[in-house]
Amino acid sequence: MTKILMVCLGNICRSPLAEGLLKSKLPQTHFRVDSAGTSGYHAGSSPDFRSVEVAKQHGLDISSQKSRQFSGYDFEIFDQIFVMDKSNYNAVIRLAKNEKEHHKVALILDYPGAEIEEVPDPYYGGDRGFEYVYDLLNKACDFHSNQLMKQ
């Protein structure tokens, strides 16, 4: 089973959406998708209501997810770690103990044809920001799910 982790800062906005999207695009018999945040600010919290709502508008239910903090142990569990931006990339890489762990980490928008490099944090950006983030992550998850299915 291939295990994939989605990571943002608080694990309440971007990474829960990314988790829900990628889960919906991959067979759960062969893939496990989870999410975490580089900070522990929201540990145990549900996703932001705006992430839940935008997911719901697109037929996904992410309401049962709970935030947790990324740890170095995640390198042992997960085969691929997708981060939302460079700040979180650097925070995750700092915990990598070797090159093998370092190579598991990638920016989720690092794929051919991506519009931008980083998924913006929609927390302070209003409802439209969440729809924009959903669109970015949906395209990224389409690409990555196709790549993962080829492996």
N, C-alpha and C. Protein backbone atom coordinates (compact mmCIF):
# COMPACT_ATOMS: atom_id res chain seq x y z
N MET A 1 0.84 -1.18 0.00
CA MET A 1 0.00 0.00 0.00
C MET A 1 0.89 1.24 0.00
N THR A 2 0.59 2.19 -0.87
CA THR A 2 1.32 3.45 -0.94
C THR A 2 0.66 4.45 0.00
N LYS A 3 1.47 5.11 0.81
CA LYS A 3 0.96 6.06 1.80
C LYS A 3 1.43 7.47 1.46
N ILE A 4 0.45 8.39 1.37
CA ILE A 4 0.72 9.77 0.97
C ILE A 4 0.23 10.70 2.06
N LEU A 5 1.05 11.71 2.38
CA LEU A 5 0.70 12.70 3.40
C LEU A 5 0.67 14.09 2.78
N MET A 6 -0.39 14.85 3.09
CA MET A 6 -0.54 16.23 2.66
C MET A 6 -0.23 17.13 3.86
N VAL A 7 0.57 18.18 3.65
CA VAL A 7 1.01 19.01 4.77
C VAL A 7 0.84 20.50 4.47
N CYS A 8 0.23 21.21 5.41
CA CYS A 8 0.20 22.68 5.38
C CYS A 8 0.56 23.18 6.78
N LEU A 9 0.28 24.42 7.08
CA LEU A 9 0.68 24.97 8.37
C LEU A 9 -0.16 24.43 9.53
N GLY A 10 -1.47 24.63 9.49
CA GLY A 10 -2.31 24.26 10.62
C GLY A 10 -3.12 23.01 10.45
N ASN A 11 -3.13 22.45 9.23
CA ASN A 11 -3.90 21.25 8.92
C ASN A 11 -5.39 21.45 9.14
N ILE A 12 -5.86 22.67 8.77
CA ILE A 12 -7.30 22.92 8.84
C ILE A 12 -7.88 23.48 7.54
N CYS A 13 -7.04 23.94 6.62
CA CYS A 13 -7.55 24.54 5.38
C CYS A 13 -7.10 23.78 4.14
N ARG A 14 -5.83 23.90 3.79
CA ARG A 14 -5.33 23.35 2.53
C ARG A 14 -5.13 21.84 2.56
N SER A 15 -4.40 21.34 3.55
CA SER A 15 -4.10 19.90 3.54
C SER A 15 -5.34 19.02 3.74
N PRO A 16 -6.35 19.43 4.51
CA PRO A 16 -7.57 18.61 4.55
C PRO A 16 -8.26 18.53 3.18
N LEU A 17 -8.28 19.65 2.45
CA LEU A 17 -8.84 19.63 1.10
C LEU A 17 -8.04 18.70 0.20
N ALA A 18 -6.71 18.82 0.28
CA ALA A 18 -5.84 17.97 -0.54
C ALA A 18 -6.03 16.50 -0.19
N GLU A 19 -6.14 16.20 1.09
CA GLU A 19 -6.38 14.81 1.52
C GLU A 19 -7.68 14.29 0.93
N GLY A 20 -8.76 15.05 1.09
CA GLY A 20 -10.06 14.62 0.57
C GLY A 20 -10.06 14.46 -0.93
N LEU A 21 -9.42 15.38 -1.64
CA LEU A 21 -9.36 15.30 -3.10
C LEU A 21 -8.59 14.08 -3.57
N LEU A 22 -7.38 13.89 -3.02
CA LEU A 22 -6.57 12.76 -3.48
C LEU A 22 -7.23 11.43 -3.13
N LYS A 23 -7.82 11.34 -1.95
CA LYS A 23 -8.54 10.12 -1.56
C LYS A 23 -9.64 9.79 -2.57
N SER A 24 -10.31 10.84 -3.05
CA SER A 24 -11.42 10.62 -3.99
C SER A 24 -10.95 10.16 -5.36
N LYS A 25 -9.67 10.31 -5.65
CA LYS A 25 -9.14 10.00 -6.98
C LYS A 25 -8.34 8.70 -7.02
N LEU A 26 -8.11 8.11 -5.86
CA LEU A 26 -7.30 6.89 -5.79
C LEU A 26 -8.09 5.75 -5.14
N PRO A 27 -7.83 4.51 -5.56
CA PRO A 27 -8.50 3.38 -4.90
C PRO A 27 -7.94 3.19 -3.48
N GLN A 28 -8.82 3.20 -2.50
CA GLN A 28 -8.39 3.10 -1.12
C GLN A 28 -7.84 1.72 -0.76
N THR A 29 -8.00 0.76 -1.67
CA THR A 29 -7.42 -0.56 -1.44
C THR A 29 -5.90 -0.56 -1.65
N HIS A 30 -5.40 0.43 -2.40
CA HIS A 30 -3.97 0.48 -2.71
C HIS A 30 -3.27 1.73 -2.18
N PHE A 31 -4.06 2.71 -1.72
CA PHE A 31 -3.48 3.97 -1.27
C PHE A 31 -4.11 4.42 0.04
N ARG A 32 -3.26 4.97 0.89
CA ARG A 32 -3.73 5.61 2.13
C ARG A 32 -3.30 7.07 2.05
N VAL A 33 -4.24 7.98 2.26
CA VAL A 33 -3.94 9.41 2.22
C VAL A 33 -4.30 10.02 3.57
N ASP A 34 -3.42 10.85 4.09
CA ASP A 34 -3.63 11.51 5.38
C ASP A 34 -3.14 12.95 5.24
N SER A 35 -3.29 13.73 6.31
CA SER A 35 -2.79 15.10 6.29
C SER A 35 -2.30 15.48 7.68
N ALA A 36 -1.46 16.52 7.70
CA ALA A 36 -0.89 17.02 8.95
C ALA A 36 -0.49 18.48 8.76
N GLY A 37 -0.19 19.14 9.87
CA GLY A 37 0.28 20.52 9.83
C GLY A 37 1.65 20.63 10.46
N THR A 38 2.43 21.60 10.01
CA THR A 38 3.76 21.78 10.59
C THR A 38 3.68 22.44 11.96
N SER A 39 2.55 23.05 12.27
CA SER A 39 2.36 23.62 13.61
C SER A 39 1.31 22.78 14.36
N GLY A 40 1.31 22.91 15.64
CA GLY A 40 0.33 22.20 16.45
C GLY A 40 -0.80 23.08 16.93
N TYR A 41 -0.92 24.28 16.35
CA TYR A 41 -1.93 25.25 16.80
C TYR A 41 -3.34 24.67 16.87
N HIS A 42 -3.68 23.86 15.89
CA HIS A 42 -5.06 23.38 15.78
C HIS A 42 -5.20 21.88 16.03
N ALA A 43 -4.22 21.27 16.68
CA ALA A 43 -4.24 19.82 16.90
C ALA A 43 -5.57 19.38 17.51
N GLY A 44 -6.19 18.39 16.87
CA GLY A 44 -7.46 17.85 17.33
C GLY A 44 -8.68 18.56 16.78
N SER A 45 -8.46 19.68 16.07
CA SER A 45 -9.57 20.45 15.51
C SER A 45 -10.05 19.88 14.19
N SER A 46 -11.29 20.14 13.88
CA SER A 46 -11.86 19.80 12.57
C SER A 46 -11.36 20.81 11.55
N PRO A 47 -11.50 20.50 10.26
CA PRO A 47 -11.12 21.47 9.23
C PRO A 47 -11.94 22.75 9.36
N ASP A 48 -11.37 23.85 8.88
CA ASP A 48 -12.07 25.14 8.85
C ASP A 48 -13.41 24.94 8.14
N PHE A 49 -14.46 25.58 8.65
CA PHE A 49 -15.80 25.40 8.08
C PHE A 49 -15.84 25.77 6.60
N ARG A 50 -14.97 26.69 6.17
CA ARG A 50 -14.97 27.08 4.76
C ARG A 50 -14.36 25.99 3.89
N SER A 51 -13.38 25.26 4.39
CA SER A 51 -12.83 24.10 3.66
C SER A 51 -13.88 23.00 3.58
N VAL A 52 -14.57 22.77 4.69
CA VAL A 52 -15.63 21.76 4.71
C VAL A 52 -16.72 22.13 3.70
N GLU A 53 -17.08 23.39 3.66
CA GLU A 53 -18.15 23.84 2.77
C GLU A 53 -17.75 23.74 1.30
N VAL A 54 -16.56 24.18 0.94
CA VAL A 54 -16.15 24.10 -0.47
C VAL A 54 -16.01 22.65 -0.90
N ALA A 55 -15.54 21.80 -0.02
CA ALA A 55 -15.46 20.37 -0.34
C ALA A 55 -16.87 19.81 -0.56
N LYS A 56 -17.78 20.16 0.33
CA LYS A 56 -19.16 19.68 0.24
C LYS A 56 -19.81 20.12 -1.08
N GLN A 57 -19.53 21.35 -1.50
CA GLN A 57 -20.08 21.86 -2.76
C GLN A 57 -19.60 21.04 -3.97
N HIS A 58 -18.48 20.35 -3.78
CA HIS A 58 -17.91 19.52 -4.85
C HIS A 58 -18.08 18.03 -4.58
N GLY A 59 -18.97 17.69 -3.64
CA GLY A 59 -19.29 16.29 -3.39
C GLY A 59 -18.33 15.53 -2.49
N LEU A 60 -17.50 16.24 -1.73
CA LEU A 60 -16.56 15.59 -0.81
C LEU A 60 -16.94 15.91 0.63
N ASP A 61 -16.78 14.94 1.50
CA ASP A 61 -17.03 15.15 2.92
C ASP A 61 -15.70 15.02 3.67
N ILE A 62 -15.19 16.15 4.14
CA ILE A 62 -13.94 16.14 4.91
C ILE A 62 -14.18 16.49 6.37
N SER A 63 -15.44 16.54 6.77
CA SER A 63 -15.82 17.02 8.10
C SER A 63 -15.32 16.15 9.25
N SER A 64 -15.01 14.90 9.00
CA SER A 64 -14.58 14.02 10.09
C SER A 64 -13.06 14.05 10.32
N GLN A 65 -12.33 14.74 9.47
CA GLN A 65 -10.88 14.82 9.65
C GLN A 65 -10.55 15.60 10.92
N LYS A 66 -9.40 15.28 11.51
CA LYS A 66 -8.92 16.00 12.69
C LYS A 66 -7.47 16.41 12.45
N SER A 67 -7.16 17.64 12.82
CA SER A 67 -5.82 18.17 12.64
C SER A 67 -4.83 17.47 13.56
N ARG A 68 -3.63 17.30 13.02
CA ARG A 68 -2.53 16.79 13.83
C ARG A 68 -1.24 17.43 13.36
N GLN A 69 -0.23 17.40 14.19
CA GLN A 69 1.05 17.99 13.84
C GLN A 69 1.96 16.97 13.17
N PHE A 70 2.66 17.42 12.15
CA PHE A 70 3.65 16.59 11.46
C PHE A 70 4.78 16.27 12.44
N SER A 71 5.32 15.05 12.35
CA SER A 71 6.48 14.69 13.17
C SER A 71 7.48 13.93 12.31
N GLY A 72 8.68 13.83 12.79
CA GLY A 72 9.72 13.09 12.09
C GLY A 72 9.34 11.63 11.85
N TYR A 73 8.49 11.10 12.71
CA TYR A 73 8.02 9.72 12.55
C TYR A 73 7.23 9.53 11.25
N ASP A 74 6.62 10.62 10.75
CA ASP A 74 5.86 10.53 9.50
C ASP A 74 6.73 10.08 8.33
N PHE A 75 8.02 10.35 8.39
CA PHE A 75 8.92 9.89 7.32
C PHE A 75 8.97 8.36 7.27
N GLU A 76 8.82 7.72 8.42
CA GLU A 76 8.84 6.26 8.47
C GLU A 76 7.55 5.65 7.93
N ILE A 77 6.46 6.36 8.08
CA ILE A 77 5.15 5.85 7.69
C ILE A 77 4.82 6.11 6.23
N PHE A 78 5.12 7.32 5.75
CA PHE A 78 4.65 7.76 4.44
C PHE A 78 5.71 7.63 3.35
N ASP A 79 5.23 7.27 2.15
CA ASP A 79 6.10 7.11 0.99
C ASP A 79 6.29 8.42 0.24
N GLN A 80 5.28 9.29 0.28
CA GLN A 80 5.31 10.57 -0.42
C GLN A 80 4.68 11.62 0.48
N ILE A 81 5.33 12.79 0.57
CA ILE A 81 4.82 13.87 1.39
C ILE A 81 4.70 15.11 0.51
N PHE A 82 3.48 15.57 0.31
CA PHE A 82 3.22 16.76 -0.49
C PHE A 82 2.96 17.94 0.45
N VAL A 83 3.71 19.02 0.25
CA VAL A 83 3.53 20.22 1.06
C VAL A 83 2.93 21.33 0.20
N MET A 84 2.25 22.27 0.86
CA MET A 84 1.50 23.30 0.15
C MET A 84 2.33 24.50 -0.27
N ASP A 85 3.41 24.78 0.48
CA ASP A 85 4.22 25.96 0.15
C ASP A 85 5.65 25.76 0.63
N LYS A 86 6.51 26.72 0.26
CA LYS A 86 7.95 26.60 0.56
C LYS A 86 8.24 26.68 2.05
N SER A 87 7.47 27.46 2.78
CA SER A 87 7.68 27.56 4.22
C SER A 87 7.45 26.21 4.89
N ASN A 88 6.37 25.54 4.53
CA ASN A 88 6.10 24.22 5.09
C ASN A 88 7.06 23.17 4.55
N TYR A 89 7.49 23.33 3.31
CA TYR A 89 8.51 22.44 2.75
C TYR A 89 9.77 22.51 3.62
N ASN A 90 10.21 23.72 3.91
CA ASN A 90 11.42 23.88 4.73
C ASN A 90 11.24 23.32 6.14
N ALA A 91 10.06 23.50 6.71
CA ALA A 91 9.80 22.97 8.06
C ALA A 91 9.84 21.45 8.06
N VAL A 92 9.32 20.82 7.02
CA VAL A 92 9.33 19.35 6.94
C VAL A 92 10.75 18.86 6.67
N ILE A 93 11.44 19.49 5.75
CA ILE A 93 12.80 19.08 5.39
C ILE A 93 13.74 19.16 6.59
N ARG A 94 13.55 20.15 7.46
CA ARG A 94 14.40 20.27 8.65
C ARG A 94 14.33 19.02 9.53
N LEU A 95 13.23 18.27 9.45
CA LEU A 95 13.08 17.07 10.27
C LEU A 95 13.59 15.81 9.58
N ALA A 96 13.94 15.93 8.30
CA ALA A 96 14.46 14.76 7.56
C ALA A 96 15.84 14.39 8.08
N LYS A 97 16.04 13.09 8.31
CA LYS A 97 17.31 12.62 8.86
C LYS A 97 18.31 12.21 7.79
N ASN A 98 17.82 12.01 6.54
CA ASN A 98 18.72 11.55 5.50
C ASN A 98 18.14 11.89 4.11
N GLU A 99 18.91 11.58 3.08
CA GLU A 99 18.49 11.88 1.70
C GLU A 99 17.22 11.14 1.31
N LYS A 100 17.08 9.91 1.76
CA LYS A 100 15.88 9.13 1.43
C LYS A 100 14.63 9.86 1.92
N GLU A 101 14.66 10.35 3.16
CA GLU A 101 13.52 11.09 3.69
C GLU A 101 13.33 12.42 2.96
N HIS A 102 14.43 13.07 2.65
CA HIS A 102 14.37 14.35 1.93
C HIS A 102 13.67 14.17 0.58
N HIS A 103 13.95 13.08 -0.10
CA HIS A 103 13.38 12.84 -1.43
C HIS A 103 11.89 12.48 -1.41
N LYS A 104 11.35 12.20 -0.25
CA LYS A 104 9.92 11.92 -0.14
C LYS A 104 9.08 13.20 -0.21
N VAL A 105 9.71 14.36 -0.04
CA VAL A 105 9.00 15.63 0.11
C VAL A 105 9.00 16.42 -1.19
N ALA A 106 7.82 16.92 -1.56
CA ALA A 106 7.70 17.75 -2.76
C ALA A 106 6.58 18.77 -2.59
N LEU A 107 6.71 19.89 -3.26
CA LEU A 107 5.62 20.86 -3.33
C LEU A 107 4.51 20.26 -4.17
N ILE A 108 3.29 20.33 -3.70
CA ILE A 108 2.18 19.71 -4.43
C ILE A 108 1.97 20.35 -5.80
N LEU A 109 2.31 21.62 -5.95
CA LEU A 109 2.13 22.29 -7.24
C LEU A 109 3.38 22.20 -8.12
N ASP A 110 4.32 21.35 -7.76
CA ASP A 110 5.51 21.14 -8.59
C ASP A 110 5.20 20.04 -9.61
N TYR A 111 4.51 20.44 -10.67
CA TYR A 111 4.18 19.52 -11.75
C TYR A 111 4.04 20.33 -13.04
N PRO A 112 4.22 19.70 -14.20
CA PRO A 112 4.15 20.43 -15.47
C PRO A 112 2.78 21.09 -15.66
N GLY A 113 2.79 22.36 -16.00
CA GLY A 113 1.55 23.07 -16.26
C GLY A 113 0.92 23.74 -15.06
N ALA A 114 1.53 23.61 -13.89
CA ALA A 114 0.98 24.26 -12.70
C ALA A 114 1.00 25.78 -12.89
N GLU A 115 -0.07 26.43 -12.48
CA GLU A 115 -0.21 27.88 -12.65
C GLU A 115 0.77 28.66 -11.77
N ILE A 116 0.97 28.19 -10.55
CA ILE A 116 1.84 28.86 -9.58
C ILE A 116 2.62 27.79 -8.82
N GLU A 117 3.58 28.21 -7.99
CA GLU A 117 4.43 27.26 -7.26
C GLU A 117 3.86 26.82 -5.91
N GLU A 118 3.11 27.72 -5.27
CA GLU A 118 2.66 27.46 -3.91
C GLU A 118 1.14 27.62 -3.80
N VAL A 119 0.54 26.81 -2.95
CA VAL A 119 -0.88 26.93 -2.66
C VAL A 119 -1.03 28.03 -1.60
N PRO A 120 -1.70 29.13 -1.94
CA PRO A 120 -1.84 30.20 -0.95
C PRO A 120 -2.73 29.77 0.22
N ASP A 121 -2.42 30.31 1.39
CA ASP A 121 -3.23 30.01 2.57
C ASP A 121 -4.51 30.85 2.49
N PRO A 122 -5.69 30.22 2.40
CA PRO A 122 -6.93 30.97 2.25
C PRO A 122 -7.53 31.47 3.56
N TYR A 123 -6.89 31.17 4.69
CA TYR A 123 -7.50 31.42 5.99
C TYR A 123 -8.02 32.86 6.15
N TYR A 124 -7.23 33.84 5.74
CA TYR A 124 -7.64 35.24 5.89
C TYR A 124 -8.15 35.84 4.58
N GLY A 125 -8.35 35.02 3.56
CA GLY A 125 -8.67 35.54 2.24
C GLY A 125 -10.13 35.52 1.84
N GLY A 126 -11.03 35.15 2.70
CA GLY A 126 -12.44 35.12 2.33
C GLY A 126 -12.83 33.84 1.62
N ASP A 127 -14.11 33.70 1.37
CA ASP A 127 -14.64 32.46 0.79
C ASP A 127 -14.08 32.16 -0.60
N ARG A 128 -13.89 33.16 -1.44
CA ARG A 128 -13.38 32.93 -2.79
C ARG A 128 -11.99 32.30 -2.75
N GLY A 129 -11.21 32.63 -1.74
CA GLY A 129 -9.89 32.03 -1.59
C GLY A 129 -9.94 30.53 -1.42
N PHE A 130 -10.96 30.04 -0.75
CA PHE A 130 -11.11 28.60 -0.55
C PHE A 130 -11.48 27.90 -1.86
N GLU A 131 -12.31 28.53 -2.66
CA GLU A 131 -12.65 27.97 -3.97
C GLU A 131 -11.42 27.93 -4.88
N TYR A 132 -10.62 28.98 -4.85
CA TYR A 132 -9.39 29.03 -5.64
C TYR A 132 -8.43 27.92 -5.21
N VAL A 133 -8.26 27.76 -3.90
CA VAL A 133 -7.39 26.71 -3.38
C VAL A 133 -7.93 25.33 -3.79
N TYR A 134 -9.23 25.15 -3.71
CA TYR A 134 -9.83 23.89 -4.15
C TYR A 134 -9.46 23.62 -5.61
N ASP A 135 -9.62 24.61 -6.47
CA ASP A 135 -9.32 24.44 -7.90
C ASP A 135 -7.85 24.08 -8.12
N LEU A 136 -6.94 24.78 -7.43
CA LEU A 136 -5.51 24.47 -7.55
C LEU A 136 -5.23 23.04 -7.12
N LEU A 137 -5.78 22.65 -5.98
CA LEU A 137 -5.52 21.31 -5.44
C LEU A 137 -6.19 20.22 -6.27
N ASN A 138 -7.33 20.50 -6.83
CA ASN A 138 -8.00 19.52 -7.68
C ASN A 138 -7.15 19.19 -8.90
N LYS A 139 -6.60 20.22 -9.53
CA LYS A 139 -5.72 20.00 -10.69
C LYS A 139 -4.46 19.24 -10.28
N ALA A 140 -3.88 19.64 -9.16
CA ALA A 140 -2.66 18.97 -8.69
C ALA A 140 -2.95 17.50 -8.36
N CYS A 141 -4.06 17.25 -7.71
CA CYS A 141 -4.40 15.87 -7.34
C CYS A 141 -4.75 15.03 -8.57
N ASP A 142 -5.32 15.65 -9.60
CA ASP A 142 -5.52 14.93 -10.87
C ASP A 142 -4.18 14.46 -11.41
N PHE A 143 -3.22 15.38 -11.46
CA PHE A 143 -1.89 15.03 -11.98
C PHE A 143 -1.24 13.95 -11.12
N HIS A 144 -1.18 14.17 -9.81
CA HIS A 144 -0.47 13.24 -8.93
C HIS A 144 -1.16 11.88 -8.86
N SER A 145 -2.48 11.85 -8.89
CA SER A 145 -3.16 10.55 -8.87
C SER A 145 -2.83 9.75 -10.13
N ASN A 146 -2.77 10.43 -11.27
CA ASN A 146 -2.38 9.73 -12.51
C ASN A 146 -0.97 9.19 -12.42
N GLN A 147 -0.06 9.99 -11.85
CA GLN A 147 1.33 9.53 -11.70
C GLN A 147 1.41 8.36 -10.73
N LEU A 148 0.70 8.45 -9.63
CA LEU A 148 0.73 7.37 -8.62
C LEU A 148 0.14 6.07 -9.17
N MET A 149 -0.87 6.18 -9.99
CA MET A 149 -1.49 4.98 -10.56
C MET A 149 -0.57 4.28 -11.56
N LYS A 150 0.38 5.01 -12.13
CA LYS A 150 1.33 4.43 -13.09
C LYS A 150 2.45 3.66 -12.39
N GLN A 151 2.65 3.94 -11.11
CA GLN A 151 3.76 3.31 -10.38
C GLN A 151 3.49 1.85 -10.08
